[in-house]
């Protein structure tokens, strides 16, 4: 691969991995939820749509991490 493509893979993959991780953590904590039986939002049950969004964010995080690793490995290989 060319160096420009490797750099784009590294930067894009890292950016998407960080954003996916942030979305996963926010949906795991659910700060916007309130429950009548619980004092904290962490005790509330997760809605099915929230779970699917969190699962998609986790998949994006894993895929983007793999792309970033591939970009870093390719970049290292083309430099030498």
PDB file of N, CA and C in Angstrom:
ATOM      1  N   UNK A   1       0.831  -1.183   0.000  1.00  0.00           N
ATOM      2  CA  UNK A   1       0.000   0.000   0.000  1.00  0.00           C
ATOM      3  C   UNK A   1       0.869   1.236   0.000  1.00  0.00           C
ATOM      4  N   UNK A   2       0.308   2.283  -0.500  1.00  0.00           N
ATOM      5  CA  UNK A   2       1.043   3.535  -0.473  1.00  0.00           C
ATOM      6  C   UNK A   2       0.977   4.148   0.910  1.00  0.00           C
ATOM      7  N   UNK A   3       1.908   5.026   1.187  1.00  0.00           N
ATOM      8  CA  UNK A   3       1.996   5.649   2.508  1.00  0.00           C
ATOM      9  C   UNK A   3       0.764   6.495   2.797  1.00  0.00           C
ATOM     10  N   UNK A   4       0.237   7.171   1.787  1.00  0.00           N
ATOM     11  CA  UNK A   4      -0.939   8.023   1.986  1.00  0.00           C
ATOM     12  C   UNK A   4      -2.154   7.182   2.386  1.00  0.00           C
ATOM     13  N   UNK A   5      -2.322   6.040   1.741  1.00  0.00           N
ATOM     14  CA  UNK A   5      -3.428   5.148   2.082  1.00  0.00           C
ATOM     15  C   UNK A   5      -3.250   4.583   3.481  1.00  0.00           C
ATOM     16  N   UNK A   6      -2.047   4.212   3.823  1.00  0.00           N
ATOM     17  CA  UNK A   6      -1.776   3.682   5.166  1.00  0.00           C
ATOM     18  C   UNK A   6      -2.054   4.726   6.236  1.00  0.00           C
ATOM     19  N   UNK A   7      -1.664   5.964   5.971  1.00  0.00           N
ATOM     20  CA  UNK A   7      -1.917   7.035   6.927  1.00  0.00           C
ATOM     21  C   UNK A   7      -3.405   7.293   7.072  1.00  0.00           C
ATOM     22  N   UNK A   8      -4.144   7.277   5.964  1.00  0.00           N
ATOM     23  CA  UNK A   8      -5.590   7.483   6.022  1.00  0.00           C
ATOM     24  C   UNK A   8      -6.274   6.363   6.800  1.00  0.00           C
ATOM     25  N   UNK A   9      -5.805   5.128   6.589  1.00  0.00           N
ATOM     26  CA  UNK A   9      -6.363   4.010   7.346  1.00  0.00           C
ATOM     27  C   UNK A   9      -6.080   4.153   8.833  1.00  0.00           C
ATOM     28  N   UNK A  10      -4.876   4.577   9.165  1.00  0.00           N
ATOM     29  CA  UNK A  10      -4.495   4.739  10.564  1.00  0.00           C
ATOM     30  C   UNK A  10      -5.310   5.833  11.238  1.00  0.00           C
ATOM     31  N   UNK A  11      -5.397   6.990  10.610  1.00  0.00           N
ATOM     32  CA  UNK A  11      -6.127   8.121  11.196  1.00  0.00           C
ATOM     33  C   UNK A  11      -7.629   7.840  11.236  1.00  0.00           C
ATOM     34  N   UNK A  12      -8.178   7.355  10.118  1.00  0.00           N
ATOM     35  CA  UNK A  12      -9.615   7.071  10.069  1.00  0.00           C
ATOM     36  C   UNK A  12     -10.023   5.970  11.020  1.00  0.00           C
ATOM     37  N   UNK A  13      -9.240   4.903  11.065  1.00  0.00           N
ATOM     38  CA  UNK A  13      -9.551   3.808  11.969  1.00  0.00           C
ATOM     39  C   UNK A  13      -9.472   4.214  13.430  1.00  0.00           C
ATOM     40  N   UNK A  14      -8.460   4.989  13.764  1.00  0.00           N
ATOM     41  CA  UNK A  14      -8.318   5.456  15.145  1.00  0.00           C
ATOM     42  C   UNK A  14      -9.473   6.376  15.538  1.00  0.00           C
ATOM     43  N   UNK A  15      -9.842   7.279  14.641  1.00  0.00           N
ATOM     44  CA  UNK A  15     -10.940   8.199  14.924  1.00  0.00           C
ATOM     45  C   UNK A  15     -12.249   7.451  15.126  1.00  0.00           C
ATOM     46  N   UNK A  16     -12.549   6.516  14.218  1.00  0.00           N
ATOM     47  CA  UNK A  16     -13.788   5.749  14.357  1.00  0.00           C
ATOM     48  C   UNK A  16     -13.775   4.857  15.595  1.00  0.00           C
ATOM     49  N   UNK A  17     -12.617   4.307  15.942  1.00  0.00           N
ATOM     50  CA  UNK A  17     -12.531   3.468  17.133  1.00  0.00           C
ATOM     51  C   UNK A  17     -12.799   4.279  18.403  1.00  0.00           C
ATOM     52  N   UNK A  18     -12.254   5.476  18.463  1.00  0.00           N
ATOM     53  CA  UNK A  18     -12.480   6.329  19.640  1.00  0.00           C
ATOM     54  C   UNK A  18     -13.948   6.743  19.720  1.00  0.00           C
ATOM     55  N   UNK A  19     -14.532   7.153  18.593  1.00  0.00           N
ATOM     56  CA  UNK A  19     -15.948   7.548  18.593  1.00  0.00           C
ATOM     57  C   UNK A  19     -16.857   6.373  18.949  1.00  0.00           C
ATOM     58  N   UNK A  20     -16.560   5.196  18.413  1.00  0.00           N
ATOM     59  CA  UNK A  20     -17.354   4.018  18.751  1.00  0.00           C
ATOM     60  C   UNK A  20     -17.250   3.657  20.219  1.00  0.00           C
ATOM     61  N   UNK A  21     -16.062   3.795  20.787  1.00  0.00           N
ATOM     62  CA  UNK A  21     -15.885   3.509  22.215  1.00  0.00           C
ATOM     63  C   UNK A  21     -16.650   4.507  23.080  1.00  0.00           C
ATOM     64  N   UNK A  22     -16.641   5.775  22.677  1.00  0.00           N
ATOM     65  CA  UNK A  22     -17.378   6.794  23.433  1.00  0.00           C
ATOM     66  C   UNK A  22     -18.870   6.506  23.395  1.00  0.00           C
ATOM     67  N   UNK A  23     -19.400   6.182  22.211  1.00  0.00           N
ATOM     68  CA  UNK A  23     -20.831   5.875  22.088  1.00  0.00           C
ATOM     69  C   UNK A  23     -21.176   4.637  22.907  1.00  0.00           C
ATOM     70  N   UNK A  24     -20.326   3.630  22.895  1.00  0.00           N
ATOM     71  CA  UNK A  24     -20.582   2.410  23.673  1.00  0.00           C
ATOM     72  C   UNK A  24     -20.643   2.708  25.168  1.00  0.00           C
ATOM     73  N   UNK A  25     -19.716   3.498  25.657  1.00  0.00           N
ATOM     74  CA  UNK A  25     -19.693   3.825  27.091  1.00  0.00           C
ATOM     75  C   UNK A  25     -20.902   4.673  27.479  1.00  0.00           C
ATOM     76  N   UNK A  26     -21.251   5.638  26.642  1.00  0.00           N
ATOM     77  CA  UNK A  26     -22.402   6.490  26.947  1.00  0.00           C
ATOM     78  C   UNK A  26     -23.689   5.661  26.969  1.00  0.00           C
ATOM     79  N   UNK A  27     -23.852   4.766  26.001  1.00  0.00           N
ATOM     80  CA  UNK A  27     -25.048   3.926  25.997  1.00  0.00           C
ATOM     81  C   UNK A  27     -25.023   2.891  27.112  1.00  0.00           C
ATOM     82  N   UNK A  28     -23.849   2.498  27.572  1.00  0.00           N
ATOM     83  CA  UNK A  28     -23.780   1.589  28.713  1.00  0.00           C
ATOM     84  C   UNK A  28     -24.204   2.297  29.997  1.00  0.00           C
ATOM     85  N   UNK A  29     -23.774   3.536  30.179  1.00  0.00           N
ATOM     86  CA  UNK A  29     -24.104   4.286  31.396  1.00  0.00           C
ATOM     87  C   UNK A  29     -25.507   4.884  31.365  1.00  0.00           C
ATOM     88  N   UNK A  30     -26.017   5.236  30.199  1.00  0.00           N
ATOM     89  CA  UNK A  30     -27.353   5.804  30.002  1.00  0.00           C
ATOM     90  C   UNK A  30     -27.669   6.943  30.971  1.00  0.00           C
ATOM     91  N   UNK A  31     -26.957   8.058  30.884  1.00  0.00           N
ATOM     92  CA  UNK A  31     -27.194   9.143  31.841  1.00  0.00           C
ATOM     93  C   UNK A  31     -28.555   9.821  31.683  1.00  0.00           C
ATOM     94  N   UNK A  32     -29.255   9.620  30.597  1.00  0.00           N
ATOM     95  CA  UNK A  32     -30.538  10.270  30.365  1.00  0.00           C
ATOM     96  C   UNK A  32     -31.711   9.473  30.926  1.00  0.00           C
ATOM     97  N   UNK A  33     -31.485   8.246  31.388  1.00  0.00           N
ATOM     98  CA  UNK A  33     -32.569   7.389  31.845  1.00  0.00           C
ATOM     99  C   UNK A  33     -32.914   7.661  33.300  1.00  0.00           C
ATOM    100  N   UNK A  34     -34.178   7.526  33.613  1.00  0.00           N
ATOM    101  CA  UNK A  34     -34.644   7.586  35.001  1.00  0.00           C
ATOM    102  C   UNK A  34     -35.618   6.431  35.232  1.00  0.00           C
ATOM    103  N   UNK A  35     -35.569   5.869  36.427  1.00  0.00           N
ATOM    104  CA  UNK A  35     -36.456   4.775  36.800  1.00  0.00           C
ATOM    105  C   UNK A  35     -37.119   5.119  38.127  1.00  0.00           C
ATOM    106  N   UNK A  36     -38.376   4.747  38.278  1.00  0.00           N
ATOM    107  CA  UNK A  36     -39.039   5.043  39.553  1.00  0.00           C
ATOM    108  C   UNK A  36     -38.492   4.215  40.723  1.00  0.00           C
ATOM    109  N   UNK A  37     -37.940   3.029  40.453  1.00  0.00           N
ATOM    110  CA  UNK A  37     -37.466   2.149  41.522  1.00  0.00           C
ATOM    111  C   UNK A  37     -36.002   2.350  41.875  1.00  0.00           C
ATOM    112  N   UNK A  38     -35.236   2.990  41.006  1.00  0.00           N
ATOM    113  CA  UNK A  38     -33.793   3.128  41.186  1.00  0.00           C
ATOM    114  C   UNK A  38     -33.390   4.588  41.336  1.00  0.00           C
ATOM    115  N   UNK A  39     -32.323   4.817  42.105  1.00  0.00           N
ATOM    116  CA  UNK A  39     -31.791   6.172  42.260  1.00  0.00           C
ATOM    117  C   UNK A  39     -30.825   6.530  41.134  1.00  0.00           C
ATOM    118  N   UNK A  40     -30.171   5.543  40.564  1.00  0.00           N
ATOM    119  CA  UNK A  40     -29.194   5.809  39.511  1.00  0.00           C
ATOM    120  C   UNK A  40     -29.709   5.279  38.173  1.00  0.00           C
ATOM    121  N   UNK A  41     -29.175   5.856  37.105  1.00  0.00           N
ATOM    122  CA  UNK A  41     -29.599   5.423  35.772  1.00  0.00           C
ATOM    123  C   UNK A  41     -29.022   4.062  35.404  1.00  0.00           C
ATOM    124  N   UNK A  42     -27.965   3.631  36.061  1.00  0.00           N
ATOM    125  CA  UNK A  42     -27.348   2.341  35.753  1.00  0.00           C
ATOM    126  C   UNK A  42     -28.242   1.171  36.149  1.00  0.00           C
ATOM    127  N   UNK A  43     -29.180   1.390  37.045  1.00  0.00           N
ATOM    128  CA  UNK A  43     -30.071   0.327  37.476  1.00  0.00           C
ATOM    129  C   UNK A  43     -31.264   0.129  36.569  1.00  0.00           C
ATOM    130  N   UNK A  44     -31.477   1.024  35.608  1.00  0.00           N
ATOM    131  CA  UNK A  44     -32.611   0.919  34.691  1.00  0.00           C
ATOM    132  C   UNK A  44     -32.340  -0.136  33.627  1.00  0.00           C
ATOM    133  N   UNK A  45     -33.401  -0.755  33.172  1.00  0.00           N
ATOM    134  CA  UNK A  45     -33.262  -1.735  32.099  1.00  0.00           C
ATOM    135  C   UNK A  45     -32.999  -1.015  30.779  1.00  0.00           C
ATOM    136  N   UNK A  46     -32.203  -1.635  29.927  1.00  0.00           N
ATOM    137  CA  UNK A  46     -31.880  -1.048  28.624  1.00  0.00           C
ATOM    138  C   UNK A  46     -32.983  -1.393  27.633  1.00  0.00           C
ATOM    139  N   UNK A  47     -33.384  -0.412  26.864  1.00  0.00           N
ATOM    140  CA  UNK A  47     -34.380  -0.638  25.825  1.00  0.00           C
ATOM    141  C   UNK A  47     -33.746  -1.383  24.656  1.00  0.00           C
ATOM    142  N   UNK A  48     -34.537  -2.121  23.873  1.00  0.00           N
ATOM    143  CA  UNK A  48     -33.971  -2.883  22.747  1.00  0.00           C
ATOM    144  C   UNK A  48     -33.255  -2.001  21.719  1.00  0.00           C
ATOM    145  N   UNK A  49     -33.782  -0.827  21.429  1.00  0.00           N
ATOM    146  CA  UNK A  49     -33.115   0.054  20.467  1.00  0.00           C
ATOM    147  C   UNK A  49     -31.782   0.565  21.019  1.00  0.00           C
ATOM    148  N   UNK A  50     -31.741   0.858  22.311  1.00  0.00           N
ATOM    149  CA  UNK A  50     -30.475   1.265  22.929  1.00  0.00           C
ATOM    150  C   UNK A  50     -29.445   0.142  22.855  1.00  0.00           C
ATOM    151  N   UNK A  51     -29.890  -1.076  23.053  1.00  0.00           N
ATOM    152  CA  UNK A  51     -28.968  -2.213  22.993  1.00  0.00           C
ATOM    153  C   UNK A  51     -28.439  -2.422  21.584  1.00  0.00           C
ATOM    154  N   UNK A  52     -29.290  -2.225  20.578  1.00  0.00           N
ATOM    155  CA  UNK A  52     -28.820  -2.411  19.206  1.00  0.00           C
ATOM    156  C   UNK A  52     -27.846  -1.310  18.789  1.00  0.00           C
ATOM    157  N   UNK A  53     -28.068  -0.091  19.259  1.00  0.00           N
ATOM    158  CA  UNK A  53     -27.137   1.005  18.963  1.00  0.00           C
ATOM    159  C   UNK A  53     -25.796   0.751  19.640  1.00  0.00           C
ATOM    160  N   UNK A  54     -25.838   0.277  20.880  1.00  0.00           N
ATOM    161  CA  UNK A  54     -24.602  -0.012  21.585  1.00  0.00           C
ATOM    162  C   UNK A  54     -23.854  -1.176  20.926  1.00  0.00           C
ATOM    163  N   UNK A  55     -24.574  -2.190  20.475  1.00  0.00           N
ATOM    164  CA  UNK A  55     -23.934  -3.318  19.794  1.00  0.00           C
ATOM    165  C   UNK A  55     -23.299  -2.866  18.481  1.00  0.00           C
ATOM    166  N   UNK A  56     -23.996  -2.009  17.742  1.00  0.00           N
ATOM    167  CA  UNK A  56     -23.432  -1.503  16.488  1.00  0.00           C
ATOM    168  C   UNK A  56     -22.180  -0.671  16.751  1.00  0.00           C
ATOM    169  N   UNK A  57     -22.200   0.126  17.809  1.00  0.00           N
ATOM    170  CA  UNK A  57     -21.024   0.931  18.152  1.00  0.00           C
ATOM    171  C   UNK A  57     -19.846   0.037  18.546  1.00  0.00           C
ATOM    172  N   UNK A  58     -20.129  -1.063  19.216  1.00  0.00           N
ATOM    173  CA  UNK A  58     -19.047  -1.989  19.583  1.00  0.00           C
ATOM    174  C   UNK A  58     -18.459  -2.671  18.345  1.00  0.00           C
ATOM    175  N   UNK A  59     -19.312  -3.041  17.397  1.00  0.00           N
ATOM    176  CA  UNK A  59     -18.824  -3.660  16.165  1.00  0.00           C
ATOM    177  C   UNK A  59     -17.982  -2.666  15.371  1.00  0.00           C
ATOM    178  N   UNK A  60     -18.444  -1.416  15.293  1.00  0.00           N
ATOM    179  CA  UNK A  60     -17.674  -0.383  14.597  1.00  0.00           C
ATOM    180  C   UNK A  60     -16.333  -0.179  15.282  1.00  0.00           C
ATOM    181  N   UNK A  61     -16.308  -0.198  16.606  1.00  0.00           N
ATOM    182  CA  UNK A  61     -15.054  -0.038  17.343  1.00  0.00           C
ATOM    183  C   UNK A  61     -14.080  -1.165  17.021  1.00  0.00           C
ATOM    184  N   UNK A  62     -14.564  -2.390  17.005  1.00  0.00           N
ATOM    185  CA  UNK A  62     -13.684  -3.525  16.694  1.00  0.00           C
ATOM    186  C   UNK A  62     -13.177  -3.461  15.258  1.00  0.00           C
ATOM    187  N   UNK A  63     -14.057  -3.169  14.308  1.00  0.00           N
ATOM    188  CA  UNK A  63     -13.655  -3.091  12.907  1.00  0.00           C
ATOM    189  C   UNK A  63     -12.670  -1.942  12.695  1.00  0.00           C
ATOM    190  N   UNK A  64     -12.942  -0.783  13.292  1.00  0.00           N
ATOM    191  CA  UNK A  64     -12.058   0.374  13.122  1.00  0.00           C
ATOM    192  C   UNK A  64     -10.702   0.127  13.764  1.00  0.00           C
ATOM    193  N   UNK A  65     -10.666  -0.595  14.876  1.00  0.00           N
ATOM    194  CA  UNK A  65      -9.388  -0.944  15.497  1.00  0.00           C
ATOM    195  C   UNK A  65      -8.575  -1.845  14.576  1.00  0.00           C
ATOM    196  N   UNK A  66      -9.241  -2.797  13.930  1.00  0.00           N
ATOM    197  CA  UNK A  66      -8.541  -3.675  12.987  1.00  0.00           C
ATOM    198  C   UNK A  66      -8.003  -2.881  11.796  1.00  0.00           C
ATOM    199  N   UNK A  67      -8.776  -1.921  11.305  1.00  0.00           N
ATOM    200  CA  UNK A  67      -8.321  -1.088  10.188  1.00  0.00           C
ATOM    201  C   UNK A  67      -7.124  -0.235  10.609  1.00  0.00           C
ATOM    202  N   UNK A  68      -7.171   0.322  11.809  1.00  0.00           N
ATOM    203  CA  UNK A  68      -6.055   1.139  12.294  1.00  0.00           C
ATOM    204  C   UNK A  68      -4.794   0.297  12.469  1.00  0.00           C
ATOM    205  N   UNK A  69      -4.937  -0.912  12.963  1.00  0.00           N
ATOM    206  CA  UNK A  69      -3.774  -1.792  13.119  1.00  0.00           C
ATOM    207  C   UNK A  69      -3.199  -2.163  11.758  1.00  0.00           C
ATOM    208  N   UNK A  70      -4.074  -2.456  10.807  1.00  0.00           N
ATOM    209  CA  UNK A  70      -3.606  -2.785   9.454  1.00  0.00           C
ATOM    210  C   UNK A  70      -2.899  -1.591   8.816  1.00  0.00           C
ATOM    211  N   UNK A  71      -3.429  -0.394   9.024  1.00  0.00           N
ATOM    212  CA  UNK A  71      -2.783   0.808   8.496  1.00  0.00           C
ATOM    213  C   UNK A  71      -1.429   1.057   9.128  1.00  0.00           C
ATOM    214  N   UNK A  72      -1.342   0.838  10.433  1.00  0.00           N
ATOM    215  CA  UNK A  72      -0.059   1.032  11.120  1.00  0.00           C
ATOM    216  C   UNK A  72       0.967   0.003  10.663  1.00  0.00           C
ATOM    217  N   UNK A  73       0.527  -1.244  10.495  1.00  0.00           N
ATOM    218  CA  UNK A  73       1.451  -2.279  10.044  1.00  0.00           C
ATOM    219  C   UNK A  73       1.911  -2.023   8.612  1.00  0.00           C
ATOM    220  N   UNK A  74       0.996  -1.580   7.776  1.00  0.00           N
ATOM    221  CA  UNK A  74       1.348  -1.286   6.388  1.00  0.00           C
ATOM    222  C   UNK A  74       2.273  -0.078   6.294  1.00  0.00           C
ATOM    223  N   UNK A  75       2.004   0.900   7.127  1.00  0.00           N
ATOM    224  CA  UNK A  75       2.851   2.091   7.123  1.00  0.00           C
ATOM    225  C   UNK A  75       4.268   1.756   7.581  1.00  0.00           C
ATOM    226  N   UNK A  76       4.359   0.914   8.610  1.00  0.00           N
ATOM    227  CA  UNK A  76       5.668   0.520   9.111  1.00  0.00           C
ATOM    228  C   UNK A  76       6.434  -0.280   8.054  1.00  0.00           C
ATOM    229  N   UNK A  77       5.711  -1.128   7.330  1.00  0.00           N
ATOM    230  CA  UNK A  77       6.339  -1.955   6.302  1.00  0.00           C
ATOM    231  C   UNK A  77       6.839  -1.118   5.125  1.00  0.00           C
ATOM    232  N   UNK A  78       6.112  -0.058   4.736  1.00  0.00           N
ATOM    233  CA  UNK A  78       6.517   0.756   3.597  1.00  0.00           C
ATOM    234  C   UNK A  78       7.630   1.727   3.958  1.00  0.00           C
ATOM    235  N   UNK A  79       7.816   1.994   5.242  1.00  0.00           N
ATOM    236  CA  UNK A  79       8.859   2.931   5.636  1.00  0.00           C
ATOM    237  C   UNK A  79      10.246   2.289   5.548  1.00  0.00           C
ATOM    238  N   UNK A  80      10.327   0.982   5.657  1.00  0.00           N
ATOM    239  CA  UNK A  80      11.639   0.320   5.654  1.00  0.00           C
ATOM    240  C   UNK A  80      11.915  -0.351   4.346  1.00  0.00           C
TER     241      UNK A  80
END
